[in-house]
Amino acid sequence: MIVLVCRHPETKRMVSTALVTLRAGPLELVLADQAPRLSELGECCTLAIVGTEIGESEVQQVPRYLRGKRCIRTTPTILLFDPRSPQKLSTAGSLGYDDFAELPLSAQELTARLGLLLGRGARRRQALALTGVDLATGLRDVNKLTPALSILLENERGARSHILAASIRFDGALEIEQSHGSGVYAAFMSQMAAEIRGQCQPLDLVAWGGPDRITLIRGQVRPEECRPWLDALAAKLRPRPPEGAKATEADARLEFTIGAVGIDRARAVPGHDAKAVLARIDAALLQADCTQTLLAFLQDDQAQPCQAA
């Protein structure tokens, strides 16, 4: 059982509708002023707090020693903790994704993650492992989110709009790790993800796609919009080492490659899952020149390269 605490009625309606679509398990949806205290939750409950603004009424649900530790966000956030062992949360580590998860989420990611937590019905530690976070960078790991992404792809099959999935490979990222260490590498990948996210819509997924790449998935796009948007993104990306890192010769060779596929949801066939989409992105990367952008638009399971404008 997960108790979901929302600040606004509209958030409650949106999440409730999405969870019904995902056929999620037992869930109680309440507004912040109706939420139970931590001590009032049953032994088999987990408290989840979500909203575009985590306010004082929600923060009161969080153990005192966690207050003020990234508990107030201006982006959609989910807080999860187990009332049976709250003291463990204070020693969960700097990221704390083992016993405590606090991640900025889009509405689609939130409902997908709750669907995972509820649908699996496993122990809490196993459920949180499915949230899919790369612990080195703190970015969501798209390779661990494939069950949730597959559900979204299947549920939206037949829609008139399209999904654009892209992988941005940073040539030289691994050299940064070798030259500057894992801390600078993690900062570099997080910095690049932030720049990509700055060009995206709130519901777009920007995630860790591998040691040297960021994966982007956006929905509700028209085929003719894909190439211009990717070209605009490529023009604004400026890979560089994080501030404070001593530059090396390898840093001067930082470049990036974009491989992408578009999914025609109106003609997608059943079983068109996320693993297949990610495999096609990797194939598009292999076809792309290291300094150029390739967009392959996928229709009826056949990838065809787009002609340059």
Protein backbone atom coordinates (compact mmCIF):
# COMPACT_ATOMS: atom_id res chain seq x y z
CA MET A 1 0.00 0.00 0.00
CA ILE A 2 1.34 3.44 -0.94
CA VAL A 3 -0.27 6.62 0.37
CA LEU A 4 0.16 9.37 -2.21
CA VAL A 5 0.01 12.91 -0.83
CA CYS A 6 -0.79 15.67 -3.33
CA ARG A 7 -0.80 19.41 -2.79
CA HIS A 8 -3.34 20.26 -5.49
CA PRO A 9 -6.60 18.50 -6.52
CA GLU A 10 -5.51 18.68 -10.19
CA THR A 11 -2.38 16.68 -9.40
CA LYS A 12 -4.52 14.09 -7.65
CA ARG A 13 -6.85 13.81 -10.66
CA MET A 14 -3.99 13.56 -13.18
CA VAL A 15 -2.07 10.90 -11.26
CA SER A 16 -5.23 8.92 -10.46
CA THR A 17 -6.21 8.79 -14.14
CA ALA A 18 -2.72 7.73 -15.22
CA LEU A 19 -2.49 5.00 -12.59
CA VAL A 20 -5.80 3.55 -13.71
CA THR A 21 -4.35 3.38 -17.22
CA LEU A 22 -1.29 1.59 -15.84
CA ARG A 23 -3.54 -0.85 -13.93
CA ALA A 24 -1.57 -0.12 -10.77
CA GLY A 25 -2.12 -1.90 -7.48
CA PRO A 26 -3.47 -0.62 -4.15
CA LEU A 27 -3.02 3.10 -3.73
CA GLU A 28 -4.60 5.74 -1.53
CA LEU A 29 -4.73 9.27 -2.94
CA VAL A 30 -5.11 12.09 -0.42
CA LEU A 31 -4.56 15.84 -0.35
CA ALA A 32 -1.85 17.29 1.83
CA ASP A 33 -4.19 18.55 4.54
CA GLN A 34 -5.72 15.07 4.85
CA ALA A 35 -2.45 13.12 4.96
CA PRO A 36 -1.71 10.84 7.93
CA ARG A 37 1.32 11.41 10.11
CA LEU A 38 4.23 9.04 9.84
CA SER A 39 3.28 7.40 13.13
CA GLU A 40 -0.24 6.72 11.84
CA LEU A 41 0.81 4.71 8.81
CA GLY A 42 0.40 0.96 8.92
CA GLU A 43 3.33 -1.44 8.86
CA CYS A 44 2.78 -2.26 5.19
CA CYS A 45 2.47 1.33 4.00
CA THR A 46 4.90 3.63 2.25
CA LEU A 47 4.28 7.38 2.21
CA ALA A 48 4.78 9.15 -1.10
CA ILE A 49 4.68 12.94 -1.38
CA VAL A 50 4.39 14.54 -4.81
CA GLY A 51 3.65 17.95 -6.23
CA THR A 52 5.04 20.78 -8.32
CA GLU A 53 5.59 22.62 -5.05
CA ILE A 54 6.40 20.68 -1.91
CA GLY A 55 5.04 22.99 0.77
CA GLU A 56 5.17 23.16 4.54
CA SER A 57 2.17 20.86 5.02
CA GLU A 58 3.92 18.11 3.06
CA VAL A 59 7.28 18.66 4.70
CA GLN A 60 5.63 18.05 8.07
CA GLN A 61 5.18 14.43 6.95
CA VAL A 62 8.95 13.98 6.58
CA PRO A 63 11.12 12.90 9.52
CA ARG A 64 12.60 15.96 11.25
CA TYR A 65 16.21 15.18 10.36
CA LEU A 66 15.33 15.18 6.63
CA ARG A 67 13.66 18.59 6.67
CA GLY A 68 15.66 21.19 4.84
CA LYS A 69 17.62 18.53 2.94
CA ARG A 70 16.29 19.11 -0.59
CA CYS A 71 12.75 18.61 0.67
CA ILE A 72 11.32 21.68 -1.08
CA ARG A 73 11.39 21.66 -4.87
CA THR A 74 9.92 23.73 -7.68
CA THR A 75 9.77 20.73 -10.03
CA PRO A 76 7.56 17.63 -9.61
CA THR A 77 9.09 15.50 -6.88
CA ILE A 78 8.35 12.21 -5.18
CA LEU A 79 9.49 11.42 -1.65
CA LEU A 80 9.36 7.81 -0.51
CA PHE A 81 10.19 6.40 2.90
CA ASP A 82 9.24 3.42 5.01
CA PRO A 83 7.65 4.17 8.40
CA ARG A 84 8.87 0.83 9.74
CA SER A 85 12.52 1.89 9.62
CA PRO A 86 12.71 5.71 9.40
CA GLN A 87 16.00 5.89 11.30
CA LYS A 88 17.75 4.11 8.42
CA LEU A 89 17.05 7.08 6.21
CA SER A 90 19.61 9.26 7.99
CA THR A 91 22.41 6.84 7.02
CA ALA A 92 21.23 6.02 3.50
CA GLY A 93 24.13 7.87 1.91
CA SER A 94 24.53 11.10 -0.01
CA LEU A 95 22.13 10.01 -2.75
CA GLY A 96 19.97 7.88 -0.50
CA TYR A 97 18.27 5.88 -3.25
CA ASP A 98 18.39 2.67 -1.21
CA ASP A 99 15.87 3.54 1.51
CA PHE A 100 14.89 7.04 0.47
CA ALA A 101 14.18 8.42 -3.00
CA GLU A 102 13.85 12.11 -3.74
CA LEU A 103 13.93 12.73 -7.46
CA PRO A 104 12.59 15.46 -9.79
CA LEU A 105 10.04 13.75 -12.04
CA SER A 106 7.74 14.61 -14.91
CA ALA A 107 4.14 13.51 -14.56
CA GLN A 108 4.70 10.60 -16.94
CA GLU A 109 7.82 9.44 -15.11
CA LEU A 110 6.04 9.73 -11.78
CA THR A 111 3.13 7.56 -12.83
CA ALA A 112 5.45 5.08 -14.53
CA ARG A 113 7.56 4.80 -11.38
CA LEU A 114 4.52 4.38 -9.12
CA GLY A 115 3.25 1.76 -11.54
CA LEU A 116 6.54 -0.11 -11.12
CA LEU A 117 6.47 0.13 -7.35
CA LEU A 118 2.87 -1.00 -7.10
CA GLY A 119 2.85 -3.58 -9.86
CA ARG A 120 5.90 -5.50 -8.68
CA GLY A 121 4.63 -5.88 -5.12
CA ALA A 122 8.11 -6.90 -3.96
CA ARG A 123 10.02 -5.80 -0.90
CA ARG A 124 10.71 -2.08 -0.64
CA ARG A 125 14.42 -2.44 -1.28
CA GLN A 126 13.75 -4.37 -4.48
CA ALA A 127 11.15 -1.83 -5.55
CA LEU A 128 13.46 1.12 -5.10
CA ALA A 129 16.13 -0.70 -7.11
CA LEU A 130 13.69 -0.51 -10.02
CA THR A 131 13.58 3.28 -9.93
CA GLY A 132 16.60 3.19 -12.21
CA VAL A 133 19.21 5.70 -11.05
CA ASP A 134 22.85 5.77 -12.08
CA LEU A 135 24.51 6.30 -8.71
CA ALA A 136 27.66 7.86 -10.22
CA THR A 137 25.85 10.81 -11.83
CA GLY A 138 22.48 10.83 -10.04
CA LEU A 139 20.71 10.69 -13.42
CA ARG A 140 17.92 8.25 -14.10
CA ASP A 141 19.21 5.18 -15.98
CA VAL A 142 17.04 4.66 -19.05
CA ASN A 143 18.19 1.05 -19.33
CA LYS A 144 16.52 0.30 -15.98
CA LEU A 145 13.32 2.13 -16.90
CA THR A 146 12.45 -0.02 -19.92
CA PRO A 147 9.45 -1.75 -18.22
CA ALA A 148 7.81 1.59 -17.47
CA LEU A 149 8.69 3.02 -20.90
CA SER A 150 7.26 -0.07 -22.60
CA ILE A 151 4.00 0.43 -20.73
CA LEU A 152 3.82 4.03 -21.91
CA LEU A 153 4.59 3.02 -25.50
CA GLU A 154 1.91 0.34 -25.46
CA ASN A 155 -0.73 2.55 -23.83
CA GLU A 156 -0.23 5.31 -26.40
CA ARG A 157 -0.19 3.01 -29.41
CA GLY A 158 -2.61 4.31 -32.01
CA ALA A 159 -2.19 7.99 -31.13
CA ARG A 160 -1.81 10.45 -34.00
CA SER A 161 1.34 12.05 -32.66
CA HIS A 162 4.80 10.51 -32.55
CA ILE A 163 7.57 9.75 -30.07
CA LEU A 164 11.13 10.91 -30.72
CA ALA A 165 13.88 8.90 -29.02
CA ALA A 166 17.45 10.15 -29.27
CA SER A 167 20.83 9.21 -27.82
CA ILE A 168 23.54 11.85 -27.54
CA ARG A 169 27.02 10.36 -27.29
CA PHE A 170 29.79 12.60 -25.96
CA ASP A 171 33.02 11.54 -27.61
CA GLY A 172 35.69 12.15 -25.01
CA ALA A 173 33.52 11.68 -21.90
CA LEU A 174 35.44 8.58 -20.84
CA GLU A 175 38.72 10.43 -21.41
CA ILE A 176 37.49 13.08 -18.97
CA GLU A 177 37.04 10.37 -16.36
CA GLN A 178 40.54 9.07 -17.01
CA SER A 179 42.11 12.54 -16.95
CA HIS A 180 40.15 14.22 -14.16
CA GLY A 181 38.58 11.40 -12.14
CA SER A 182 35.07 10.12 -11.57
CA GLY A 183 33.88 13.25 -9.75
CA VAL A 184 34.61 15.56 -12.68
CA TYR A 185 33.18 12.98 -15.12
CA ALA A 186 29.92 12.81 -13.12
CA ALA A 187 29.75 16.61 -13.02
CA PHE A 188 30.33 16.76 -16.79
CA MET A 189 27.53 14.28 -17.58
CA SER A 190 25.16 16.04 -15.18
CA GLN A 191 26.05 19.38 -16.76
CA MET A 192 25.36 18.08 -20.27
CA ALA A 193 22.06 16.55 -19.12
CA ALA A 194 21.07 19.90 -17.65
CA GLU A 195 21.85 21.68 -20.92
CA ILE A 196 19.79 19.15 -22.87
CA ARG A 197 16.94 19.40 -20.37
CA GLY A 198 16.99 23.16 -20.83
CA GLN A 199 15.99 22.66 -24.49
CA CYS A 200 13.21 20.18 -23.65
CA GLN A 201 9.60 20.25 -22.58
CA PRO A 202 8.68 19.42 -18.94
CA LEU A 203 7.36 15.95 -19.87
CA ASP A 204 10.44 14.94 -21.89
CA LEU A 205 12.61 12.20 -20.37
CA VAL A 206 16.33 13.05 -20.12
CA ALA A 207 18.29 10.12 -18.66
CA TRP A 208 21.66 8.41 -18.40
CA GLY A 209 21.95 6.13 -21.43
CA GLY A 210 25.44 4.71 -20.93
CA PRO A 211 28.95 5.70 -19.81
CA ASP A 212 29.26 8.33 -22.55
CA ARG A 213 25.70 9.14 -23.56
CA ILE A 214 22.46 10.86 -22.56
CA THR A 215 19.13 9.49 -23.78
CA LEU A 216 16.22 11.78 -24.61
CA ILE A 217 12.62 10.65 -25.18
CA ARG A 218 9.90 13.14 -26.06
CA GLY A 219 6.32 12.52 -27.11
CA GLN A 220 3.62 14.36 -29.03
CA VAL A 221 5.82 15.49 -31.89
CA ARG A 222 5.10 15.62 -35.62
CA PRO A 223 7.53 13.93 -38.03
CA GLU A 224 8.42 17.22 -39.73
CA GLU A 225 9.38 18.71 -36.35
CA CYS A 226 11.96 16.06 -35.46
CA ARG A 227 14.92 17.05 -37.62
CA PRO A 228 14.69 20.84 -37.05
CA TRP A 229 14.41 20.36 -33.29
CA LEU A 230 17.41 18.01 -33.16
CA ASP A 231 19.46 20.38 -35.31
CA ALA A 232 18.58 23.26 -32.97
CA LEU A 233 19.59 21.14 -29.98
CA ALA A 234 22.89 20.23 -31.63
CA ALA A 235 23.63 23.88 -32.40
CA LYS A 236 23.23 24.89 -28.74
CA LEU A 237 25.18 22.05 -27.11
CA ARG A 238 28.69 23.04 -26.07
CA PRO A 239 30.50 20.10 -24.43
CA ARG A 240 33.20 21.31 -22.05
CA PRO A 241 34.78 20.15 -18.80
CA PRO A 242 33.15 21.44 -15.61
CA GLU A 243 34.40 24.74 -14.22
CA GLY A 244 37.46 24.34 -12.03
CA ALA A 245 38.77 21.28 -13.88
CA LYS A 246 42.22 21.73 -15.35
CA ALA A 247 41.96 21.48 -19.14
CA THR A 248 43.82 18.73 -20.97
CA GLU A 249 44.54 18.06 -24.63
CA ALA A 250 41.75 15.47 -24.72
CA ASP A 251 39.18 18.11 -23.65
CA ALA A 252 39.81 20.09 -26.84
CA ARG A 253 38.51 17.13 -28.83
CA LEU A 254 35.12 16.98 -27.08
CA GLU A 255 32.43 16.35 -29.68
CA PHE A 256 29.06 14.71 -29.70
CA THR A 257 26.91 12.53 -31.92
CA ILE A 258 23.13 12.31 -32.03
CA GLY A 259 21.39 9.15 -33.18
CA ALA A 260 17.60 9.17 -33.16
CA VAL A 261 14.52 7.21 -34.19
CA GLY A 262 10.94 8.35 -34.48
CA ILE A 263 8.06 6.05 -33.60
CA ASP A 264 4.80 6.33 -35.50
CA ARG A 265 2.37 5.40 -32.75
CA ALA A 266 -0.56 5.21 -35.13
CA ARG A 267 1.12 2.31 -36.96
CA ALA A 268 3.19 0.78 -34.17
CA VAL A 269 2.59 -2.90 -33.64
CA PRO A 270 2.00 -4.66 -30.29
CA GLY A 271 5.23 -5.59 -28.59
CA HIS A 272 6.96 -2.43 -29.86
CA ASP A 273 8.79 -2.12 -26.55
CA ALA A 274 11.41 0.19 -25.11
CA LYS A 275 14.29 -2.29 -25.48
CA ALA A 276 13.72 -2.42 -29.22
CA VAL A 277 13.63 1.37 -29.40
CA LEU A 278 16.88 1.73 -27.43
CA ALA A 279 18.55 -0.87 -29.66
CA ARG A 280 17.57 1.15 -32.73
CA ILE A 281 18.98 4.33 -31.19
CA ASP A 282 22.32 2.55 -30.72
CA ALA A 283 22.18 1.41 -34.34
CA ALA A 284 21.55 5.00 -35.45
CA LEU A 285 24.58 6.15 -33.44
CA LEU A 286 26.78 3.60 -35.21
CA GLN A 287 25.61 4.92 -38.58
CA ALA A 288 26.22 8.57 -37.69
CA ASP A 289 29.45 10.40 -38.39
CA CYS A 290 31.19 11.53 -35.19
CA THR A 291 30.58 15.23 -35.93
CA GLN A 292 27.18 15.06 -37.61
CA THR A 293 23.57 14.47 -36.66
CA LEU A 294 21.64 11.53 -38.08
CA LEU A 295 17.90 11.19 -37.74
CA ALA A 296 16.40 7.85 -38.73
CA PHE A 297 12.60 7.93 -38.72
CA LEU A 298 11.06 4.61 -37.80
CA GLN A 299 7.81 3.56 -39.47
CA ASP A 300 6.36 0.07 -39.56
CA ASP A 301 9.52 -1.26 -37.88
CA GLN A 302 11.71 -0.12 -40.78
CA ALA A 303 14.30 2.60 -40.03
CA GLN A 304 14.89 4.96 -42.93
CA PRO A 305 17.50 7.78 -42.75
CA CYS A 306 16.07 11.26 -43.27
CA GLN A 307 17.52 13.33 -46.07
CA ALA A 308 19.43 16.42 -45.00
CA ALA A 309 17.61 19.66 -45.62
